[in-house]
C-alpha atoms as a PDB file:
ATOM      1  CA  UNK A   1     -37.025 -15.875   6.859  1.00  0.00           C
ATOM      2  CA  UNK A   2     -37.988 -19.032   4.636  1.00  0.00           C
ATOM      3  CA  UNK A   3     -35.530 -21.692   3.739  1.00  0.00           C
ATOM      4  CA  UNK A   4     -34.679 -20.684   0.133  1.00  0.00           C
ATOM      5  CA  UNK A   5     -34.001 -17.036   1.295  1.00  0.00           C
ATOM      6  CA  UNK A   6     -31.777 -18.432   4.087  1.00  0.00           C
ATOM      7  CA  UNK A   7     -30.207 -21.196   1.394  1.00  0.00           C
ATOM      8  CA  UNK A   8     -29.527 -18.368  -0.969  1.00  0.00           C
ATOM      9  CA  UNK A   9     -27.834 -15.871   1.588  1.00  0.00           C
ATOM     10  CA  UNK A  10     -25.834 -18.737   3.032  1.00  0.00           C
ATOM     11  CA  UNK A  11     -24.412 -19.721  -0.763  1.00  0.00           C
ATOM     12  CA  UNK A  12     -23.856 -16.202  -1.315  1.00  0.00           C
ATOM     13  CA  UNK A  13     -21.726 -15.517   1.511  1.00  0.00           C
ATOM     14  CA  UNK A  14     -19.926 -19.053   0.795  1.00  0.00           C
ATOM     15  CA  UNK A  15     -18.987 -18.153  -2.749  1.00  0.00           C
ATOM     16  CA  UNK A  16     -18.285 -14.414  -2.119  1.00  0.00           C
ATOM     17  CA  UNK A  17     -14.558 -15.108  -1.439  1.00  0.00           C
ATOM     18  CA  UNK A  18     -14.048 -17.374  -4.244  1.00  0.00           C
ATOM     19  CA  UNK A  19     -15.575 -14.480  -6.587  1.00  0.00           C
ATOM     20  CA  UNK A  20     -12.956 -11.903  -5.445  1.00  0.00           C
ATOM     21  CA  UNK A  21     -10.058 -11.202  -8.289  1.00  0.00           C
ATOM     22  CA  UNK A  22      -6.258 -12.137  -7.216  1.00  0.00           C
ATOM     23  CA  UNK A  23      -5.830  -8.276  -7.417  1.00  0.00           C
ATOM     24  CA  UNK A  24      -8.290  -7.432  -4.711  1.00  0.00           C
ATOM     25  CA  UNK A  25      -6.810 -10.386  -3.056  1.00  0.00           C
ATOM     26  CA  UNK A  26      -3.739  -8.675  -2.837  1.00  0.00           C
ATOM     27  CA  UNK A  27      -4.668  -5.168  -1.982  1.00  0.00           C
ATOM     28  CA  UNK A  28      -3.486  -5.555   1.546  1.00  0.00           C
ATOM     29  CA  UNK A  29      -0.131  -6.669   0.602  1.00  0.00           C
ATOM     30  CA  UNK A  30       2.819  -4.155   0.716  1.00  0.00           C
ATOM     31  CA  UNK A  31       4.876  -2.552  -1.901  1.00  0.00           C
ATOM     32  CA  UNK A  32       8.496  -1.499  -1.680  1.00  0.00           C
ATOM     33  CA  UNK A  33       8.439   2.189  -2.761  1.00  0.00           C
ATOM     34  CA  UNK A  34      11.566   3.907  -3.637  1.00  0.00           C
ATOM     35  CA  UNK A  35      11.087   7.597  -2.458  1.00  0.00           C
ATOM     36  CA  UNK A  36      14.308   8.953  -3.357  1.00  0.00           C
ATOM     37  CA  UNK A  37      12.884  11.357  -5.774  1.00  0.00           C
ATOM     38  CA  UNK A  38      10.502  12.672  -3.252  1.00  0.00           C
ATOM     39  CA  UNK A  39      12.456  12.601   0.042  1.00  0.00           C
ATOM     40  CA  UNK A  40      12.890  16.523  -0.071  1.00  0.00           C
ATOM     41  CA  UNK A  41       9.390  16.884  -0.031  1.00  0.00           C
ATOM     42  CA  UNK A  42       8.828  14.255   2.507  1.00  0.00           C
ATOM     43  CA  UNK A  43      11.294  15.662   4.700  1.00  0.00           C
ATOM     44  CA  UNK A  44       9.857  19.173   4.555  1.00  0.00           C
ATOM     45  CA  UNK A  45       6.315  17.968   5.203  1.00  0.00           C
ATOM     46  CA  UNK A  46       7.345  15.577   8.469  1.00  0.00           C
ATOM     47  CA  UNK A  47       9.838  18.311   9.592  1.00  0.00           C
ATOM     48  CA  UNK A  48      12.991  16.056   9.588  1.00  0.00           C
ATOM     49  CA  UNK A  49      16.435  16.376   7.891  1.00  0.00           C
ATOM     50  CA  UNK A  50      16.501  15.012   4.363  1.00  0.00           C
ATOM     51  CA  UNK A  51      19.273  12.774   5.555  1.00  0.00           C
ATOM     52  CA  UNK A  52      16.716  10.873   7.724  1.00  0.00           C
ATOM     53  CA  UNK A  53      14.798   9.723   5.054  1.00  0.00           C
ATOM     54  CA  UNK A  54      15.360   6.362   4.145  1.00  0.00           C
ATOM     55  CA  UNK A  55      15.617   5.428   0.298  1.00  0.00           C
ATOM     56  CA  UNK A  56      12.677   2.742   0.403  1.00  0.00           C
ATOM     57  CA  UNK A  57       9.863   2.171   2.385  1.00  0.00           C
ATOM     58  CA  UNK A  58       7.048  -0.598   2.567  1.00  0.00           C
ATOM     59  CA  UNK A  59       3.550   1.032   1.755  1.00  0.00           C
ATOM     60  CA  UNK A  60      -0.033  -0.959   1.234  1.00  0.00           C
ATOM     61  CA  UNK A  61      -0.335  -1.432  -2.314  1.00  0.00           C
ATOM     62  CA  UNK A  62      -3.068   1.308  -2.491  1.00  0.00           C
ATOM     63  CA  UNK A  63      -0.919   4.137  -1.327  1.00  0.00           C
ATOM     64  CA  UNK A  64       1.947   2.555  -3.358  1.00  0.00           C
ATOM     65  CA  UNK A  65       0.034   3.197  -6.558  1.00  0.00           C
ATOM     66  CA  UNK A  66      -1.212   6.604  -5.489  1.00  0.00           C
ATOM     67  CA  UNK A  67       2.310   7.951  -4.955  1.00  0.00           C
ATOM     68  CA  UNK A  68       4.081   6.066  -8.092  1.00  0.00           C
ATOM     69  CA  UNK A  69       1.383   6.862 -10.568  1.00  0.00           C
ATOM     70  CA  UNK A  70       0.940   2.965 -11.174  1.00  0.00           C
ATOM     71  CA  UNK A  71      -2.489   0.906 -11.202  1.00  0.00           C
ATOM     72  CA  UNK A  72      -2.587  -1.375  -8.287  1.00  0.00           C
ATOM     73  CA  UNK A  73      -3.591  -4.114 -10.347  1.00  0.00           C
ATOM     74  CA  UNK A  74      -0.097  -3.788 -11.962  1.00  0.00           C
ATOM     75  CA  UNK A  75       1.719  -3.764  -8.459  1.00  0.00           C
ATOM     76  CA  UNK A  76      -0.452  -6.736  -7.743  1.00  0.00           C
ATOM     77  CA  UNK A  77       0.677  -9.060 -10.766  1.00  0.00           C
ATOM     78  CA  UNK A  78       4.234  -8.266  -9.580  1.00  0.00           C
ATOM     79  CA  UNK A  79       3.469 -10.575  -6.297  1.00  0.00           C
ATOM     80  CA  UNK A  80       3.323 -10.170  -3.030  1.00  0.00           C
ATOM     81  CA  UNK A  81       6.510  -8.933  -1.381  1.00  0.00           C
ATOM     82  CA  UNK A  82       8.126  -8.736  -4.876  1.00  0.00           C
ATOM     83  CA  UNK A  83       6.311  -5.405  -5.979  1.00  0.00           C
ATOM     84  CA  UNK A  84       7.986  -2.292  -6.078  1.00  0.00           C
ATOM     85  CA  UNK A  85       7.864   1.218  -7.707  1.00  0.00           C
ATOM     86  CA  UNK A  86       9.333   4.650  -7.553  1.00  0.00           C
ATOM     87  CA  UNK A  87       7.039   7.481  -5.901  1.00  0.00           C
ATOM     88  CA  UNK A  88       6.730  10.542  -8.286  1.00  0.00           C
ATOM     89  CA  UNK A  89       4.682  12.354  -5.612  1.00  0.00           C
ATOM     90  CA  UNK A  90       4.048  12.273  -1.876  1.00  0.00           C
ATOM     91  CA  UNK A  91       0.860  11.876   0.315  1.00  0.00           C
ATOM     92  CA  UNK A  92      -0.042  12.278   3.873  1.00  0.00           C
ATOM     93  CA  UNK A  93      -0.182   8.447   4.069  1.00  0.00           C
ATOM     94  CA  UNK A  94       3.370   7.931   2.507  1.00  0.00           C
ATOM     95  CA  UNK A  95       4.534  10.820   4.720  1.00  0.00           C
ATOM     96  CA  UNK A  96       3.046   9.036   8.072  1.00  0.00           C
ATOM     97  CA  UNK A  97       4.741   5.771   6.862  1.00  0.00           C
ATOM     98  CA  UNK A  98       8.168   7.518   6.297  1.00  0.00           C
ATOM     99  CA  UNK A  99       7.578   8.958   9.795  1.00  0.00           C
ATOM    100  CA  UNK A 100       7.188   5.765  11.590  1.00  0.00           C
ATOM    101  CA  UNK A 101      10.029   4.016   9.869  1.00  0.00           C
ATOM    102  CA  UNK A 102      12.339   6.875  11.095  1.00  0.00           C
ATOM    103  CA  UNK A 103      10.641   6.629  14.392  1.00  0.00           C
ATOM    104  CA  UNK A 104      10.986   2.747  14.637  1.00  0.00           C
ATOM    105  CA  UNK A 105      14.951   2.759  13.520  1.00  0.00           C
ATOM    106  CA  UNK A 106      15.690   5.362  15.958  1.00  0.00           C
ATOM    107  CA  UNK A 107      17.093   7.849  13.112  1.00  0.00           C
ATOM    108  CA  UNK A 108      15.037  10.876  14.663  1.00  0.00           C
END
């Protein structure tokens, strides 16, 4: 590989993090998701009593955006750790998050 190509490649890898948008940088952040509207569905899906379903869970921004019907960029703009939404539907991923929280609290 010649020096010019190598220099361009190194420059591209160096600048790549700087070119990412703030919303993409926060994609891995967690969002507080109120699941009370879909608690019955989640309880049926994971086979637990609805009383075991927590009111809120923390979900990755992509899952939260999906179940809340909100654009991920809108949640990202709320800020890390401050974002919240209310679930209008459930998903396999959200069901698993709820089940893990139930198990972690010993509520099962």
